[in-house]
PDB file of N, CA and C in Angstrom:
ATOM      1  N   MET A   1      73.466 -47.967 -13.028  1.00  0.00           N
ATOM      2  CA  MET A   1      72.312 -48.605 -12.867  1.00  0.00           C
ATOM      3  C   MET A   1      71.386 -48.339 -13.952  1.00  0.00           C
ATOM      4  N   ASN A   2      70.818 -49.146 -14.115  1.00  0.00           N
ATOM      5  CA  ASN A   2      69.615 -49.275 -15.350  1.00  0.00           C
ATOM      6  C   ASN A   2      68.597 -49.257 -15.023  1.00  0.00           C
ATOM      7  N   GLY A   3      67.378 -48.598 -15.900  1.00  0.00           N
ATOM      8  CA  GLY A   3      65.838 -48.120 -15.151  1.00  0.00           C
ATOM      9  C   GLY A   3      65.322 -49.017 -14.605  1.00  0.00           C
ATOM     10  N   ARG A   4      65.346 -50.448 -14.345  1.00  0.00           N
ATOM     11  CA  ARG A   4      64.729 -51.511 -13.869  1.00  0.00           C
ATOM     12  C   ARG A   4      65.634 -51.498 -12.581  1.00  0.00           C
ATOM     13  N   THR A   5      66.357 -51.277 -11.895  1.00  0.00           N
ATOM     14  CA  THR A   5      67.491 -51.577 -11.058  1.00  0.00           C
ATOM     15  C   THR A   5      66.931 -50.180 -10.478  1.00  0.00           C
ATOM     16  N   ASP A   6      66.949 -48.693 -11.110  1.00  0.00           N
ATOM     17  CA  ASP A   6      66.569 -47.615 -10.284  1.00  0.00           C
ATOM     18  C   ASP A   6      65.145 -47.515  -9.889  1.00  0.00           C
ATOM     19  N   TYR A   7      63.960 -47.895 -10.590  1.00  0.00           N
ATOM     20  CA  TYR A   7      62.874 -48.191 -10.313  1.00  0.00           C
ATOM     21  C   TYR A   7      62.320 -49.159  -9.116  1.00  0.00           C
ATOM     22  N   THR A   8      63.042 -50.473  -9.030  1.00  0.00           N
ATOM     23  CA  THR A   8      62.977 -51.041  -7.610  1.00  0.00           C
ATOM     24  C   THR A   8      63.540 -50.319  -6.525  1.00  0.00           C
ATOM     25  N   LYS A   9      64.648 -49.813  -6.856  1.00  0.00           N
ATOM     26  CA  LYS A   9      64.812 -49.282  -5.564  1.00  0.00           C
ATOM     27  C   LYS A   9      64.070 -48.127  -5.183  1.00  0.00           C
ATOM     28  N   GLN A  10      63.750 -47.153  -5.625  1.00  0.00           N
ATOM     29  CA  GLN A  10      62.818 -46.387  -5.427  1.00  0.00           C
ATOM     30  C   GLN A  10      61.428 -46.473  -5.004  1.00  0.00           C
ATOM     31  N   ARG A  11      61.104 -47.248  -6.071  1.00  0.00           N
ATOM     32  CA  ARG A  11      59.432 -47.965  -5.533  1.00  0.00           C
ATOM     33  C   ARG A  11      59.371 -48.167  -3.871  1.00  0.00           C
ATOM     34  N   ASP A  12      60.276 -48.894  -3.134  1.00  0.00           N
ATOM     35  CA  ASP A  12      60.113 -49.507  -2.304  1.00  0.00           C
ATOM     36  C   ASP A  12      60.759 -48.094  -0.965  1.00  0.00           C
ATOM     37  N   GLY A  13      61.141 -46.936  -1.026  1.00  0.00           N
ATOM     38  CA  GLY A  13      61.587 -46.575  -0.216  1.00  0.00           C
ATOM     39  C   GLY A  13      60.981 -45.097  -0.901  1.00  0.00           C
ATOM     40  N   ARG A  14      61.650 -43.996  -0.078  1.00  0.00           N
ATOM     41  CA  ARG A  14      61.573 -42.537  -0.037  1.00  0.00           C
ATOM     42  C   ARG A  14      62.842 -41.961  -0.827  1.00  0.00           C
ATOM     43  N   VAL A  15      62.719 -41.333  -2.054  1.00  0.00           N
ATOM     44  CA  VAL A  15      63.431 -40.437  -2.674  1.00  0.00           C
ATOM     45  C   VAL A  15      63.042 -38.908  -3.095  1.00  0.00           C
ATOM     46  N   ASN A  16      64.269 -38.344  -3.265  1.00  0.00           N
ATOM     47  CA  ASN A  16      64.147 -37.450  -3.411  1.00  0.00           C
ATOM     48  C   ASN A  16      63.610 -36.701  -5.199  1.00  0.00           C
ATOM     49  N   ARG A  17      63.232 -35.402  -5.045  1.00  0.00           N
ATOM     50  CA  ARG A  17      62.898 -35.266  -6.452  1.00  0.00           C
ATOM     51  C   ARG A  17      63.726 -35.345  -7.205  1.00  0.00           C
ATOM     52  N   ASN A  18      64.953 -34.820  -7.261  1.00  0.00           N
ATOM     53  CA  ASN A  18      65.876 -34.980  -8.241  1.00  0.00           C
ATOM     54  C   ASN A  18      66.243 -36.233  -8.561  1.00  0.00           C
ATOM     55  N   GLU A  19      66.068 -37.606  -8.078  1.00  0.00           N
ATOM     56  CA  GLU A  19      66.496 -38.953  -8.353  1.00  0.00           C
ATOM     57  C   GLU A  19      65.424 -39.073  -9.441  1.00  0.00           C
ATOM     58  N   TRP A  20      64.153 -38.768  -9.416  1.00  0.00           N
ATOM     59  CA  TRP A  20      62.889 -39.613 -10.145  1.00  0.00           C
ATOM     60  C   TRP A  20      63.337 -38.091 -11.163  1.00  0.00           C
ATOM     61  N   GLU A  21      63.476 -37.296 -11.037  1.00  0.00           N
ATOM     62  CA  GLU A  21      63.509 -36.375 -12.485  1.00  0.00           C
ATOM     63  C   GLU A  21      64.708 -37.288 -13.352  1.00  0.00           C
ATOM     64  N   SER A  22      65.543 -37.621 -12.381  1.00  0.00           N
ATOM     65  CA  SER A  22      66.631 -38.112 -13.356  1.00  0.00           C
ATOM     66  C   SER A  22      65.796 -39.511 -14.097  1.00  0.00           C
ATOM     67  N   ILE A  23      65.146 -40.385 -13.351  1.00  0.00           N
ATOM     68  CA  ILE A  23      64.019 -41.654 -14.505  1.00  0.00           C
ATOM     69  C   ILE A  23      63.401 -40.873 -15.070  1.00  0.00           C
ATOM     70  N   LEU A  24      62.833 -40.339 -15.072  1.00  0.00           N
ATOM     71  CA  LEU A  24      61.398 -39.707 -15.691  1.00  0.00           C
ATOM     72  C   LEU A  24      62.417 -38.567 -16.997  1.00  0.00           C
ATOM     73  N   GLY A  25      63.382 -38.183 -17.019  1.00  0.00           N
ATOM     74  CA  GLY A  25      63.952 -37.746 -18.243  1.00  0.00           C
ATOM     75  C   GLY A  25      64.694 -38.927 -19.093  1.00  0.00           C
ATOM     76  N   ARG A  26      65.331 -40.057 -18.377  1.00  0.00           N
ATOM     77  CA  ARG A  26      65.964 -41.205 -19.375  1.00  0.00           C
ATOM     78  C   ARG A  26      64.585 -41.602 -19.934  1.00  0.00           C
ATOM     79  N   LEU A  27      63.260 -41.522 -19.477  1.00  0.00           N
ATOM     80  CA  LEU A  27      62.243 -42.581 -19.972  1.00  0.00           C
ATOM     81  C   LEU A  27      61.421 -41.754 -21.056  1.00  0.00           C
ATOM     82  N   ASP A  28      61.994 -40.431 -20.722  1.00  0.00           N
ATOM     83  CA  ASP A  28      61.463 -39.248 -22.192  1.00  0.00           C
ATOM     84  C   ASP A  28      62.276 -39.462 -23.067  1.00  0.00           C
ATOM     85  N   VAL A  29      63.785 -39.950 -22.806  1.00  0.00           N
ATOM     86  CA  VAL A  29      64.529 -40.011 -23.934  1.00  0.00           C
ATOM     87  C   VAL A  29      63.855 -41.690 -24.983  1.00  0.00           C
ATOM     88  N   VAL A  30      63.822 -42.510 -23.893  1.00  0.00           N
ATOM     89  CA  VAL A  30      62.984 -43.669 -24.396  1.00  0.00           C
ATOM     90  C   VAL A  30      61.853 -43.778 -25.382  1.00  0.00           C
ATOM     91  N   VAL A  31      61.262 -42.954 -24.680  1.00  0.00           N
ATOM     92  CA  VAL A  31      59.881 -43.069 -25.734  1.00  0.00           C
ATOM     93  C   VAL A  31      59.981 -42.213 -27.020  1.00  0.00           C
ATOM     94  N   ASP A  32      60.577 -41.131 -27.084  1.00  0.00           N
ATOM     95  CA  ASP A  32      61.569 -40.313 -28.086  1.00  0.00           C
ATOM     96  C   ASP A  32      62.189 -41.172 -29.388  1.00  0.00           C
ATOM     97  N   GLU A  33      63.178 -42.224 -28.410  1.00  0.00           N
ATOM     98  CA  GLU A  33      63.759 -42.918 -29.869  1.00  0.00           C
ATOM     99  C   GLU A  33      62.928 -44.042 -29.922  1.00  0.00           C
ATOM    100  N   ILE A  34      61.650 -44.477 -29.353  1.00  0.00           N
ATOM    101  CA  ILE A  34      60.877 -45.351 -29.882  1.00  0.00           C
ATOM    102  C   ILE A  34      59.482 -44.687 -30.617  1.00  0.00           C
ATOM    103  N   SER A  35      59.570 -43.310 -30.484  1.00  0.00           N
ATOM    104  CA  SER A  35      58.008 -42.714 -31.104  1.00  0.00           C
ATOM    105  C   SER A  35      58.944 -42.708 -33.005  1.00  0.00           C
ATOM    106  N   ARG A  36      59.919 -42.375 -32.900  1.00  0.00           N
ATOM    107  CA  ARG A  36      61.208 -41.767 -33.907  1.00  0.00           C
ATOM    108  C   ARG A  36      61.093 -43.063 -35.017  1.00  0.00           C
ATOM    109  N   ALA A  37      61.175 -44.139 -34.087  1.00  0.00           N
ATOM    110  CA  ALA A  37      61.413 -45.547 -34.563  1.00  0.00           C
ATOM    111  C   ALA A  37      60.276 -45.581 -35.633  1.00  0.00           C
ATOM    112  N   LEU A  38      59.269 -45.709 -35.064  1.00  0.00           N
ATOM    113  CA  LEU A  38      58.024 -45.948 -35.677  1.00  0.00           C
ATOM    114  C   LEU A  38      57.281 -44.972 -36.448  1.00  0.00           C
ATOM    115  N   GLY A  39      57.952 -43.833 -36.343  1.00  0.00           N
ATOM    116  CA  GLY A  39      57.368 -42.248 -37.559  1.00  0.00           C
ATOM    117  C   GLY A  39      56.629 -42.005 -36.949  1.00  0.00           C
ATOM    118  N   TRP A  40      55.822 -41.856 -35.460  1.00  0.00           N
ATOM    119  CA  TRP A  40      55.033 -41.202 -34.801  1.00  0.00           C
ATOM    120  C   TRP A  40      55.702 -39.704 -34.853  1.00  0.00           C
ATOM    121  N   PRO A  41      54.890 -38.772 -34.777  1.00  0.00           N
ATOM    122  CA  PRO A  41      54.627 -37.281 -34.736  1.00  0.00           C
ATOM    123  C   PRO A  41      55.289 -37.113 -33.071  1.00  0.00           C
ATOM    124  N   THR A  42      56.249 -36.457 -33.165  1.00  0.00           N
ATOM    125  CA  THR A  42      56.618 -36.320 -31.789  1.00  0.00           C
ATOM    126  C   THR A  42      56.191 -35.363 -30.886  1.00  0.00           C
ATOM    127  N   ARG A  43      56.143 -35.553 -29.513  1.00  0.00           N
ATOM    128  CA  ARG A  43      55.022 -35.174 -28.440  1.00  0.00           C
ATOM    129  C   ARG A  43      54.840 -33.775 -28.115  1.00  0.00           C
ATOM    130  N   ILE A  44      54.129 -33.142 -27.848  1.00  0.00           N
ATOM    131  CA  ILE A  44      54.037 -31.789 -27.455  1.00  0.00           C
ATOM    132  C   ILE A  44      54.613 -31.721 -25.970  1.00  0.00           C
ATOM    133  N   GLU A  45      55.153 -30.895 -25.668  1.00  0.00           N
ATOM    134  CA  GLU A  45      55.998 -30.814 -23.908  1.00  0.00           C
ATOM    135  C   GLU A  45      54.792 -30.091 -22.956  1.00  0.00           C
ATOM    136  N   GLU A  46      54.706 -30.961 -22.165  1.00  0.00           N
ATOM    137  CA  GLU A  46      53.830 -29.986 -21.074  1.00  0.00           C
ATOM    138  C   GLU A  46      54.308 -30.496 -19.743  1.00  0.00           C
ATOM    139  N   PRO A  47      53.989 -29.162 -19.109  1.00  0.00           N
ATOM    140  CA  PRO A  47      54.861 -29.848 -17.465  1.00  0.00           C
ATOM    141  C   PRO A  47      54.467 -30.599 -16.906  1.00  0.00           C
ATOM    142  N   ARG A  48      55.242 -30.959 -16.294  1.00  0.00           N
ATOM    143  CA  ARG A  48      55.362 -32.566 -15.570  1.00  0.00           C
ATOM    144  C   ARG A  48      54.515 -32.363 -14.050  1.00  0.00           C
ATOM    145  N   ASP A  49      53.921 -30.915 -13.966  1.00  0.00           N
ATOM    146  CA  ASP A  49      52.944 -30.953 -12.497  1.00  0.00           C
ATOM    147  C   ASP A  49      51.496 -31.024 -13.052  1.00  0.00           C
ATOM    148  N   GLY A  50      51.276 -31.238 -14.220  1.00  0.00           N
ATOM    149  CA  GLY A  50      50.392 -31.446 -14.764  1.00  0.00           C
ATOM    150  C   GLY A  50      49.540 -30.052 -15.204  1.00  0.00           C
ATOM    151  N   SER A  51      49.575 -29.280 -15.016  1.00  0.00           N
ATOM    152  CA  SER A  51      48.671 -27.967 -15.148  1.00  0.00           C
ATOM    153  C   SER A  51      49.313 -27.065 -16.840  1.00  0.00           C
ATOM    154  N   THR A  52      48.394 -27.178 -17.209  1.00  0.00           N
ATOM    155  CA  THR A  52      48.702 -26.579 -18.756  1.00  0.00           C
ATOM    156  C   THR A  52      48.168 -25.080 -18.739  1.00  0.00           C
ATOM    157  N   SER A  53      48.736 -24.597 -19.735  1.00  0.00           N
ATOM    158  CA  SER A  53      48.402 -23.003 -19.501  1.00  0.00           C
ATOM    159  C   SER A  53      47.147 -22.742 -20.497  1.00  0.00           C
ATOM    160  N   LYS A  54      46.906 -21.623 -20.301  1.00  0.00           N
ATOM    161  CA  LYS A  54      45.555 -21.377 -20.791  1.00  0.00           C
ATOM    162  C   LYS A  54      46.194 -19.825 -21.384  1.00  0.00           C
ATOM    163  N   ARG A  55      45.353 -20.038 -22.994  1.00  0.00           N
ATOM    164  CA  ARG A  55      45.594 -18.975 -24.064  1.00  0.00           C
ATOM    165  C   ARG A  55      44.624 -18.334 -24.017  1.00  0.00           C
TER     166      ARG A  55
END
């Protein structure tokens, strides 16, 4: 399945966390490839739950 098919299927129903993680992982790869092609710096990894670590 491609990204659009996955998203359309999951947009219209309930999905488990593993299915979403799979899509998010593939989107991360696409973002990284585009960033490299445009010469942008790599992104800083943050937790998926939105929390940030305090130093």
